[in-house]
Structures are given as structure tokens and as C-alpha cells.
Amino acid sequence: MKTVVIFNSQTGFTRRYAEWISQAAKTDLMELSVAKKKDLTGYEAIIFGGSACAGSISKLNWFKDNMDGWAGKKLIVFCVGASPLENPEVQTALRQNFTEEQFKKVSVFYCPGGLNYEKMSVSSKLMMKLFLKTLQSKKNKTDADQEMIRMISTSYDISDRKYIEPILKSLEQPQS
């Protein structure tokens, strides 16, 4: 199946996952800025990856705007965020990025990445530091608050190739 993996990456985690998926599935690989200028009609499967931030997938509107034109193709979206896979909010956040109709046409996956303050934009760093200060100043912190404070205080990397397995399995499944 002729497949392309398209990605948008801010700090490198989404790029890493896109490269892992592309290598494992032997696909074409394109940054979003390149894909926007290409005719993708020759592909049977289109995989899009973006970063997750506050429940939203970056640059997803480009993908959603093109979904109707890709009718009959296998469509997969993955996003990479700083939360562990076990976070119960992940699945809810993934679903809120799509209408019911869109969600029926696409397989959606989450891959844990991490935080890389050194590669973040100034505005993203500022947003994270503000969020951290808000959490730290909260009275009666829960265990979840304490864990979040610990996690976002410094850069970290929880990415792992094992998280691409469900994406690869979805790609191999016959289209419904």
C-alpha cells in the first residue's frame, strides 16, 4: 500500500515518531510544509502526526480540511504529547479534535513524547512556566498535581518505539 507519513514537529518528538513509523512501514515521509504543496492523490494511506498541547493537535485543521478529498484512503492521525499513555484524559482529548463524522473516517493514536524546553518556542516556554507556577501556588495539591509539577519542572523524554505498534497494526488492517 503506497503510504505517506506527514508531520509537523516543534521540538523533535513528533519528527522522531514519524521517522520510526516511516522506517517500519517503508513509507514516504514529508514535513507538513512540503506536503501542503504536493498532490497526495496517489497515496492509498495518509498518516498525519502533530504535537498535542492542551488537548489540541497542532496543524490538524490542514488534515481535516482535506479529509473529504481523500475519501477511500486509509487515514491515520497520531499526536505526540508530554503525558504518559496511561493518563485518562488522553482519549477524551483525542476525540475532541474531531467531529463524530470525521472520527468515523480516521484512526487516531497518542504517543508519549516529553518536554524539551531547550527547543521550545519562547511562547510555549512561557505558557509552560505559567502553568507550572499556577500548579505550584495551588493550595491543597492532589497527588496528580504533585506528579504534574514534578513532570513539567524539567525537560524529559518518555518516547519509545513500542508506541508505534498500534499505528502499524492499523495500517495493515483492511479498510472498513
N, C-alpha and C. Protein backbone atom coordinates (compact mmCIF):
# COMPACT_ATOMS: atom_id res chain seq x y z
N MET A 1 0.84 -1.16 0.00
CA MET A 1 0.00 0.00 0.00
C MET A 1 0.89 1.24 0.00
N LYS A 2 0.73 2.09 -0.98
CA LYS A 2 1.54 3.31 -1.05
C LYS A 2 1.07 4.28 0.03
N THR A 3 1.99 4.60 0.94
CA THR A 3 1.66 5.37 2.14
C THR A 3 2.63 6.52 2.32
N VAL A 4 2.11 7.62 2.88
CA VAL A 4 2.94 8.76 3.24
C VAL A 4 2.70 9.11 4.70
N VAL A 5 3.77 9.44 5.39
CA VAL A 5 3.70 9.96 6.75
C VAL A 5 4.05 11.43 6.66
N ILE A 6 3.12 12.27 7.10
CA ILE A 6 3.28 13.72 7.08
C ILE A 6 3.32 14.18 8.53
N PHE A 7 4.22 15.09 8.85
CA PHE A 7 4.33 15.50 10.25
C PHE A 7 4.64 16.98 10.40
N ASN A 8 4.28 17.48 11.57
CA ASN A 8 4.64 18.82 12.00
C ASN A 8 5.24 18.65 13.39
N SER A 9 6.46 19.10 13.58
CA SER A 9 7.14 18.89 14.86
C SER A 9 7.75 20.18 15.34
N GLN A 10 7.54 20.48 16.61
CA GLN A 10 8.11 21.69 17.19
C GLN A 10 9.43 21.43 17.91
N THR A 11 9.48 20.36 18.69
CA THR A 11 10.70 20.12 19.48
C THR A 11 11.40 18.80 19.15
N GLY A 12 10.88 18.06 18.16
CA GLY A 12 11.56 16.87 17.70
C GLY A 12 10.90 15.54 18.04
N PHE A 13 10.00 15.52 18.99
CA PHE A 13 9.37 14.26 19.38
C PHE A 13 8.48 13.71 18.26
N THR A 14 7.66 14.56 17.64
CA THR A 14 6.77 14.11 16.56
C THR A 14 7.60 13.67 15.35
N ARG A 15 8.65 14.40 15.05
CA ARG A 15 9.55 14.00 13.95
C ARG A 15 10.11 12.60 14.20
N ARG A 16 10.55 12.35 15.42
CA ARG A 16 11.11 11.04 15.76
C ARG A 16 10.09 9.93 15.51
N TYR A 17 8.85 10.12 16.00
CA TYR A 17 7.82 9.11 15.78
C TYR A 17 7.50 8.95 14.30
N ALA A 18 7.42 10.05 13.57
CA ALA A 18 7.14 9.98 12.13
C ALA A 18 8.23 9.18 11.42
N GLU A 19 9.48 9.41 11.78
CA GLU A 19 10.59 8.67 11.18
C GLU A 19 10.52 7.19 11.53
N TRP A 20 10.21 6.88 12.79
CA TRP A 20 10.08 5.47 13.20
C TRP A 20 8.97 4.77 12.42
N ILE A 21 7.82 5.43 12.29
CA ILE A 21 6.69 4.85 11.55
C ILE A 21 7.07 4.65 10.09
N SER A 22 7.66 5.68 9.50
CA SER A 22 8.05 5.61 8.08
C SER A 22 9.06 4.50 7.82
N GLN A 23 10.04 4.37 8.69
CA GLN A 23 11.04 3.31 8.54
C GLN A 23 10.41 1.93 8.67
N ALA A 24 9.59 1.76 9.70
CA ALA A 24 8.99 0.45 9.96
C ALA A 24 8.01 0.03 8.87
N ALA A 25 7.26 0.99 8.32
CA ALA A 25 6.24 0.68 7.31
C ALA A 25 6.74 0.93 5.88
N LYS A 26 7.99 1.39 5.76
CA LYS A 26 8.59 1.67 4.45
C LYS A 26 7.69 2.60 3.62
N THR A 27 7.48 3.81 4.18
CA THR A 27 6.62 4.80 3.54
C THR A 27 7.43 6.00 3.10
N ASP A 28 6.78 6.88 2.36
CA ASP A 28 7.35 8.20 2.10
C ASP A 28 7.17 9.01 3.38
N LEU A 29 8.01 10.02 3.56
CA LEU A 29 8.00 10.86 4.75
C LEU A 29 8.12 12.31 4.31
N MET A 30 7.22 13.17 4.81
CA MET A 30 7.25 14.59 4.44
C MET A 30 6.91 15.47 5.63
N GLU A 31 7.60 16.58 5.71
CA GLU A 31 7.19 17.61 6.66
C GLU A 31 5.92 18.24 6.10
N LEU A 32 5.07 18.75 6.97
CA LEU A 32 3.81 19.34 6.56
C LEU A 32 4.01 20.46 5.54
N SER A 33 5.02 21.29 5.73
CA SER A 33 5.26 22.42 4.82
C SER A 33 5.50 21.93 3.39
N VAL A 34 6.07 20.75 3.22
CA VAL A 34 6.30 20.16 1.90
C VAL A 34 5.01 19.51 1.39
N ALA A 35 4.34 18.77 2.26
CA ALA A 35 3.12 18.05 1.88
C ALA A 35 2.03 18.99 1.39
N LYS A 36 1.96 20.19 1.96
CA LYS A 36 0.95 21.17 1.55
C LYS A 36 1.06 21.52 0.07
N LYS A 37 2.23 21.36 -0.50
CA LYS A 37 2.48 21.73 -1.90
C LYS A 37 2.40 20.53 -2.84
N LYS A 38 2.14 19.35 -2.29
CA LYS A 38 2.15 18.11 -3.08
C LYS A 38 0.74 17.63 -3.40
N ASP A 39 0.65 16.88 -4.49
CA ASP A 39 -0.58 16.16 -4.84
C ASP A 39 -0.49 14.80 -4.16
N LEU A 40 -1.37 14.54 -3.22
CA LEU A 40 -1.31 13.30 -2.44
C LEU A 40 -2.30 12.25 -2.92
N THR A 41 -2.91 12.48 -4.07
CA THR A 41 -3.94 11.55 -4.55
C THR A 41 -3.38 10.17 -4.90
N GLY A 42 -2.10 10.05 -5.15
CA GLY A 42 -1.50 8.76 -5.49
C GLY A 42 -1.28 7.85 -4.29
N TYR A 43 -1.51 8.36 -3.11
CA TYR A 43 -1.31 7.55 -1.90
C TYR A 43 -2.61 6.83 -1.52
N GLU A 44 -2.45 5.60 -1.07
CA GLU A 44 -3.60 4.82 -0.59
C GLU A 44 -3.84 5.04 0.90
N ALA A 45 -2.78 5.46 1.61
CA ALA A 45 -2.88 5.72 3.04
C ALA A 45 -2.11 7.00 3.37
N ILE A 46 -2.73 7.82 4.20
CA ILE A 46 -2.11 9.07 4.62
C ILE A 46 -2.10 9.09 6.15
N ILE A 47 -0.88 9.22 6.69
CA ILE A 47 -0.70 9.27 8.14
C ILE A 47 -0.22 10.68 8.47
N PHE A 48 -0.90 11.32 9.42
CA PHE A 48 -0.52 12.66 9.84
C PHE A 48 -0.14 12.67 11.30
N GLY A 49 0.96 13.33 11.64
CA GLY A 49 1.39 13.46 13.02
C GLY A 49 1.61 14.90 13.41
N GLY A 50 1.10 15.25 14.58
CA GLY A 50 1.29 16.60 15.12
C GLY A 50 1.48 16.52 16.63
N SER A 51 1.90 17.61 17.20
CA SER A 51 2.10 17.60 18.65
C SER A 51 0.78 17.91 19.35
N ALA A 52 0.65 17.38 20.55
CA ALA A 52 -0.54 17.62 21.38
C ALA A 52 -0.18 18.66 22.43
N CYS A 53 -1.06 19.65 22.54
CA CYS A 53 -0.85 20.67 23.56
C CYS A 53 -2.22 21.10 24.08
N ALA A 54 -2.44 20.94 25.35
CA ALA A 54 -3.70 21.32 25.99
C ALA A 54 -4.90 20.69 25.29
N GLY A 55 -4.73 19.45 24.86
CA GLY A 55 -5.84 18.71 24.26
C GLY A 55 -6.03 18.90 22.76
N SER A 56 -5.27 19.80 22.15
CA SER A 56 -5.40 20.04 20.71
C SER A 56 -4.20 19.48 19.97
N ILE A 57 -4.44 19.04 18.73
CA ILE A 57 -3.37 18.52 17.89
C ILE A 57 -2.95 19.63 16.93
N SER A 58 -1.67 19.98 16.95
CA SER A 58 -1.18 21.08 16.13
C SER A 58 -1.33 20.79 14.63
N LYS A 59 -1.74 21.80 13.91
CA LYS A 59 -1.88 21.79 12.44
C LYS A 59 -2.88 20.76 11.94
N LEU A 60 -3.75 20.26 12.81
CA LEU A 60 -4.72 19.24 12.42
C LEU A 60 -5.76 19.78 11.43
N ASN A 61 -6.03 21.07 11.47
CA ASN A 61 -7.03 21.63 10.56
C ASN A 61 -6.68 21.38 9.10
N TRP A 62 -5.39 21.41 8.76
CA TRP A 62 -4.98 21.11 7.38
C TRP A 62 -5.45 19.71 7.00
N PHE A 63 -5.21 18.75 7.87
CA PHE A 63 -5.61 17.37 7.62
C PHE A 63 -7.13 17.27 7.50
N LYS A 64 -7.85 17.85 8.46
CA LYS A 64 -9.31 17.76 8.45
C LYS A 64 -9.91 18.45 7.22
N ASP A 65 -9.31 19.55 6.80
CA ASP A 65 -9.80 20.26 5.60
C ASP A 65 -9.66 19.41 4.34
N ASN A 66 -8.75 18.45 4.35
CA ASN A 66 -8.50 17.62 3.17
C ASN A 66 -9.16 16.24 3.24
N MET A 67 -9.76 15.89 4.35
CA MET A 67 -10.30 14.54 4.54
C MET A 67 -11.33 14.16 3.48
N ASP A 68 -12.23 15.06 3.13
CA ASP A 68 -13.26 14.73 2.13
C ASP A 68 -12.64 14.40 0.78
N GLY A 69 -11.56 15.08 0.42
CA GLY A 69 -10.87 14.82 -0.84
C GLY A 69 -10.09 13.52 -0.83
N TRP A 70 -9.92 12.94 0.34
CA TRP A 70 -9.18 11.69 0.48
C TRP A 70 -10.12 10.51 0.74
N ALA A 71 -11.37 10.64 0.33
CA ALA A 71 -12.34 9.56 0.53
C ALA A 71 -11.80 8.27 -0.09
N GLY A 72 -11.96 7.17 0.60
CA GLY A 72 -11.50 5.88 0.12
C GLY A 72 -10.07 5.55 0.51
N LYS A 73 -9.36 6.50 1.09
CA LYS A 73 -7.99 6.26 1.54
C LYS A 73 -8.01 5.91 3.03
N LYS A 74 -7.02 5.16 3.45
CA LYS A 74 -6.86 4.88 4.88
C LYS A 74 -6.26 6.13 5.51
N LEU A 75 -6.91 6.66 6.52
CA LEU A 75 -6.47 7.89 7.18
C LEU A 75 -6.13 7.60 8.64
N ILE A 76 -4.94 8.02 9.03
CA ILE A 76 -4.46 7.80 10.40
C ILE A 76 -3.86 9.11 10.91
N VAL A 77 -4.19 9.43 12.15
CA VAL A 77 -3.59 10.60 12.81
C VAL A 77 -2.94 10.11 14.09
N PHE A 78 -1.73 10.60 14.35
CA PHE A 78 -1.12 10.36 15.65
C PHE A 78 -0.67 11.70 16.19
N CYS A 79 -0.72 11.82 17.49
CA CYS A 79 -0.19 13.03 18.11
C CYS A 79 0.76 12.62 19.22
N VAL A 80 1.68 13.51 19.50
CA VAL A 80 2.72 13.26 20.49
C VAL A 80 2.63 14.34 21.55
N GLY A 81 2.54 13.91 22.79
CA GLY A 81 2.42 14.86 23.88
C GLY A 81 3.31 14.52 25.05
N ALA A 82 3.17 15.32 26.09
CA ALA A 82 4.02 15.18 27.26
C ALA A 82 3.44 14.24 28.32
N SER A 83 2.17 13.86 28.16
CA SER A 83 1.53 12.98 29.15
C SER A 83 1.87 11.52 28.91
N PRO A 84 1.92 10.73 29.97
CA PRO A 84 2.07 9.29 29.80
C PRO A 84 0.81 8.74 29.12
N LEU A 85 0.93 7.62 28.44
CA LEU A 85 -0.18 6.99 27.74
C LEU A 85 -1.33 6.65 28.69
N GLU A 86 -1.00 6.34 29.93
CA GLU A 86 -2.00 5.92 30.91
C GLU A 86 -2.89 7.06 31.39
N ASN A 87 -2.55 8.30 31.08
CA ASN A 87 -3.34 9.44 31.53
C ASN A 87 -4.77 9.29 30.99
N PRO A 88 -5.77 9.24 31.86
CA PRO A 88 -7.16 9.02 31.41
C PRO A 88 -7.69 10.15 30.53
N GLU A 89 -7.10 11.30 30.57
CA GLU A 89 -7.57 12.44 29.77
C GLU A 89 -7.14 12.34 28.31
N VAL A 90 -6.19 11.48 28.00
CA VAL A 90 -5.66 11.39 26.64
C VAL A 90 -6.74 11.02 25.63
N GLN A 91 -7.50 9.96 25.89
CA GLN A 91 -8.51 9.51 24.92
C GLN A 91 -9.60 10.55 24.71
N THR A 92 -10.01 11.20 25.77
CA THR A 92 -11.01 12.27 25.67
C THR A 92 -10.48 13.40 24.81
N ALA A 93 -9.24 13.79 25.04
CA ALA A 93 -8.63 14.88 24.27
C ALA A 93 -8.52 14.52 22.79
N LEU A 94 -8.14 13.28 22.49
CA LEU A 94 -8.02 12.87 21.09
C LEU A 94 -9.36 13.01 20.37
N ARG A 95 -10.39 12.54 21.01
CA ARG A 95 -11.73 12.53 20.40
C ARG A 95 -12.26 13.95 20.16
N GLN A 96 -11.96 14.88 21.05
CA GLN A 96 -12.50 16.23 20.93
C GLN A 96 -11.92 17.00 19.74
N ASN A 97 -10.91 16.47 19.11
CA ASN A 97 -10.30 17.13 17.95
C ASN A 97 -11.07 16.87 16.66
N PHE A 98 -12.06 15.99 16.70
CA PHE A 98 -12.81 15.59 15.50
C PHE A 98 -14.30 15.65 15.74
N THR A 99 -15.05 15.91 14.67
CA THR A 99 -16.50 15.74 14.75
C THR A 99 -16.77 14.24 14.74
N GLU A 100 -18.01 13.86 15.06
CA GLU A 100 -18.38 12.43 15.03
C GLU A 100 -18.14 11.84 13.64
N GLU A 101 -18.54 12.59 12.62
CA GLU A 101 -18.39 12.12 11.23
C GLU A 101 -16.91 11.94 10.87
N GLN A 102 -16.07 12.90 11.23
CA GLN A 102 -14.64 12.79 10.96
C GLN A 102 -14.03 11.62 11.71
N PHE A 103 -14.44 11.44 12.96
CA PHE A 103 -13.86 10.39 13.80
C PHE A 103 -14.12 9.00 13.21
N LYS A 104 -15.22 8.84 12.48
CA LYS A 104 -15.54 7.55 11.85
C LYS A 104 -14.61 7.26 10.67
N LYS A 105 -13.97 8.28 10.11
CA LYS A 105 -13.16 8.12 8.91
C LYS A 105 -11.66 7.99 9.19
N VAL A 106 -11.27 8.17 10.44
CA VAL A 106 -9.84 8.23 10.76
C VAL A 106 -9.54 7.38 12.00
N SER A 107 -8.37 6.76 12.01
CA SER A 107 -7.86 6.08 13.20
C SER A 107 -6.93 7.06 13.90
N VAL A 108 -7.09 7.22 15.20
CA VAL A 108 -6.36 8.24 15.95
C VAL A 108 -5.57 7.59 17.08
N PHE A 109 -4.31 8.01 17.22
CA PHE A 109 -3.41 7.42 18.21
C PHE A 109 -2.64 8.50 18.97
N TYR A 110 -2.23 8.14 20.17
CA TYR A 110 -1.41 9.02 21.01
C TYR A 110 -0.08 8.33 21.30
N CYS A 111 0.99 9.10 21.21
CA CYS A 111 2.33 8.60 21.52
C CYS A 111 2.97 9.53 22.56
N PRO A 112 3.38 8.99 23.70
CA PRO A 112 4.06 9.82 24.69
C PRO A 112 5.41 10.30 24.18
N GLY A 113 5.69 11.56 24.36
CA GLY A 113 6.96 12.13 23.90
C GLY A 113 7.76 12.70 25.05
N GLY A 114 7.38 13.87 25.48
CA GLY A 114 8.09 14.52 26.57
C GLY A 114 8.08 16.02 26.41
N LEU A 115 8.98 16.65 27.11
CA LEU A 115 9.15 18.10 27.02
C LEU A 115 10.62 18.38 26.74
N ASN A 116 10.86 19.33 25.86
CA ASN A 116 12.22 19.75 25.57
C ASN A 116 12.23 21.27 25.61
N TYR A 117 12.47 21.80 26.80
CA TYR A 117 12.44 23.25 26.98
C TYR A 117 13.48 23.96 26.11
N GLU A 118 14.59 23.29 25.83
CA GLU A 118 15.65 23.91 25.04
C GLU A 118 15.21 24.18 23.60
N LYS A 119 14.29 23.37 23.06
CA LYS A 119 13.85 23.53 21.68
C LYS A 119 12.48 24.20 21.55
N MET A 120 11.85 24.51 22.68
CA MET A 120 10.52 25.14 22.65
C MET A 120 10.60 26.59 22.21
N SER A 121 9.52 27.04 21.59
CA SER A 121 9.42 28.46 21.25
C SER A 121 9.30 29.25 22.55
N VAL A 122 9.59 30.53 22.49
CA VAL A 122 9.52 31.38 23.67
C VAL A 122 8.10 31.38 24.23
N SER A 123 7.10 31.46 23.34
CA SER A 123 5.71 31.50 23.83
C SER A 123 5.32 30.18 24.50
N SER A 124 5.78 29.05 23.95
CA SER A 124 5.47 27.75 24.57
C SER A 124 6.15 27.62 25.93
N LYS A 125 7.40 28.06 26.01
CA LYS A 125 8.12 28.03 27.30
C LYS A 125 7.39 28.87 28.34
N LEU A 126 6.97 30.04 27.92
CA LEU A 126 6.27 30.96 28.81
C LEU A 126 4.96 30.34 29.31
N MET A 127 4.22 29.71 28.39
CA MET A 127 2.97 29.07 28.75
C MET A 127 3.21 27.95 29.77
N MET A 128 4.24 27.14 29.54
CA MET A 128 4.54 26.03 30.46
C MET A 128 4.98 26.55 31.83
N LYS A 129 5.80 27.58 31.85
CA LYS A 129 6.26 28.13 33.12
C LYS A 129 5.10 28.75 33.90
N LEU A 130 4.17 29.39 33.19
CA LEU A 130 2.98 29.96 33.84
C LEU A 130 2.11 28.85 34.43
N PHE A 131 1.93 27.78 33.66
CA PHE A 131 1.16 26.63 34.14
C PHE A 131 1.82 26.03 35.38
N LEU A 132 3.14 25.90 35.34
CA LEU A 132 3.89 25.35 36.48
C LEU A 132 3.70 26.22 37.72
N LYS A 133 3.83 27.54 37.55
CA LYS A 133 3.66 28.45 38.69
C LYS A 133 2.24 28.37 39.26
N THR A 134 1.26 28.24 38.37
CA THR A 134 -0.14 28.11 38.82
C THR A 134 -0.31 26.84 39.66
N LEU A 135 0.25 25.75 39.18
CA LEU A 135 0.16 24.49 39.94
C LEU A 135 0.89 24.59 41.28
N GLN A 136 2.07 25.18 41.24
CA GLN A 136 2.87 25.28 42.46
C GLN A 136 2.18 26.14 43.52
N SER A 137 1.44 27.15 43.10
CA SER A 137 0.79 28.05 44.06
C SER A 137 -0.56 27.52 44.55
N LYS A 138 -1.03 26.44 43.96
CA LYS A 138 -2.31 25.85 44.34
C LYS A 138 -2.26 25.31 45.77
N LYS A 139 -3.27 25.65 46.54
CA LYS A 139 -3.37 25.12 47.90
C LYS A 139 -4.01 23.73 47.82
N ASN A 140 -3.70 22.87 48.77
CA ASN A 140 -4.28 21.52 48.83
C ASN A 140 -4.05 20.74 47.52
N LYS A 141 -2.80 20.67 47.12
CA LYS A 141 -2.46 19.96 45.89
C LYS A 141 -2.78 18.47 46.01
N THR A 142 -3.32 17.92 44.95
CA THR A 142 -3.59 16.48 44.90
C THR A 142 -2.30 15.75 44.52
N ASP A 143 -2.32 14.43 44.61
CA ASP A 143 -1.18 13.64 44.17
C ASP A 143 -0.93 13.87 42.68
N ALA A 144 -2.02 14.00 41.91
CA ALA A 144 -1.89 14.26 40.47
C ALA A 144 -1.23 15.61 40.22
N ASP A 145 -1.58 16.62 41.02
CA ASP A 145 -0.94 17.94 40.89
C ASP A 145 0.56 17.83 41.17
N GLN A 146 0.90 17.12 42.24
CA GLN A 146 2.32 16.95 42.61
C GLN A 146 3.10 16.25 41.49
N GLU A 147 2.47 15.23 40.91
CA GLU A 147 3.12 14.49 39.82
C GLU A 147 3.30 15.39 38.61
N MET A 148 2.29 16.19 38.29
CA MET A 148 2.39 17.11 37.16
C MET A 148 3.50 18.14 37.39
N ILE A 149 3.59 18.67 38.59
CA ILE A 149 4.66 19.62 38.92
C ILE A 149 6.02 18.97 38.71
N ARG A 150 6.16 17.74 39.19
CA ARG A 150 7.43 17.02 39.03
C ARG A 150 7.76 16.85 37.55
N MET A 151 6.75 16.44 36.77
CA MET A 151 7.00 16.15 35.36
C MET A 151 7.38 17.38 34.54
N ILE A 152 6.67 18.49 34.76
CA ILE A 152 6.89 19.65 33.88
C ILE A 152 7.95 20.62 34.39
N SER A 153 8.61 20.27 35.48
CA SER A 153 9.64 21.15 36.02
C SER A 153 10.91 21.17 35.16
N THR A 154 11.17 20.08 34.44
CA THR A 154 12.37 20.00 33.61
C THR A 154 12.06 19.25 32.32
N SER A 155 12.98 19.30 31.39
CA SER A 155 12.85 18.54 30.16
C SER A 155 12.91 17.05 30.47
N TYR A 156 12.20 16.25 29.69
CA TYR A 156 12.26 14.79 29.84
C TYR A 156 11.82 14.15 28.53
N ASP A 157 12.16 12.86 28.38
CA ASP A 157 11.86 12.12 27.16
C ASP A 157 11.33 10.74 27.54
N ILE A 158 10.05 10.49 27.24
CA ILE A 158 9.45 9.18 27.51
C ILE A 158 9.05 8.49 26.20
N SER A 159 9.59 8.97 25.09
CA SER A 159 9.25 8.35 23.80
C SER A 159 9.86 6.96 23.71
N ASP A 160 9.17 6.09 22.95
CA ASP A 160 9.62 4.71 22.81
C ASP A 160 9.01 4.14 21.54
N ARG A 161 9.80 3.39 20.78
CA ARG A 161 9.31 2.77 19.54
C ARG A 161 8.08 1.89 19.75
N LYS A 162 7.92 1.34 20.94
CA LYS A 162 6.80 0.43 21.18
C LYS A 162 5.46 1.12 20.95
N TYR A 163 5.41 2.43 21.08
CA TYR A 163 4.15 3.15 20.93
C TYR A 163 3.69 3.26 19.47
N ILE A 164 4.54 2.90 18.52
CA ILE A 164 4.09 2.94 17.12
C ILE A 164 3.41 1.63 16.70
N GLU A 165 3.51 0.59 17.51
CA GLU A 165 2.94 -0.71 17.15
C GLU A 165 1.45 -0.65 16.80
N PRO A 166 0.60 0.03 17.61
CA PRO A 166 -0.82 0.10 17.23
C PRO A 166 -1.04 0.84 15.91
N ILE A 167 -0.20 1.80 15.61
CA ILE A 167 -0.32 2.54 14.34
C ILE A 167 0.01 1.61 13.18
N LEU A 168 1.08 0.85 13.32
CA LEU A 168 1.47 -0.09 12.27
C LEU A 168 0.42 -1.17 12.06
N LYS A 169 -0.17 -1.66 13.15
CA LYS A 169 -1.24 -2.66 13.03
C LYS A 169 -2.45 -2.08 12.31
N SER A 170 -2.79 -0.84 12.62
CA SER A 170 -3.92 -0.18 11.97
C SER A 170 -3.66 -0.02 10.47
N LEU A 171 -2.45 0.30 10.12
CA LEU A 171 -2.08 0.45 8.71
C LEU A 171 -2.24 -0.86 7.95
N GLU A 172 -1.93 -1.98 8.61
CA GLU A 172 -2.02 -3.30 7.97
C GLU A 172 -3.46 -3.81 7.84
N GLN A 173 -4.38 -3.30 8.67
CA GLN A 173 -5.77 -3.77 8.66
C GLN A 173 -6.46 -3.36 7.36
N PRO A 174 -7.30 -4.26 6.82
CA PRO A 174 -8.08 -3.87 5.65
C PRO A 174 -9.00 -2.71 6.00
N GLN A 175 -9.22 -1.87 5.01
CA GLN A 175 -10.07 -0.70 5.23
C GLN A 175 -11.53 -1.12 5.35
N SER A 176 -12.23 -0.52 6.31
CA SER A 176 -13.64 -0.89 6.50
C SER A 176 -14.57 -0.04 5.66
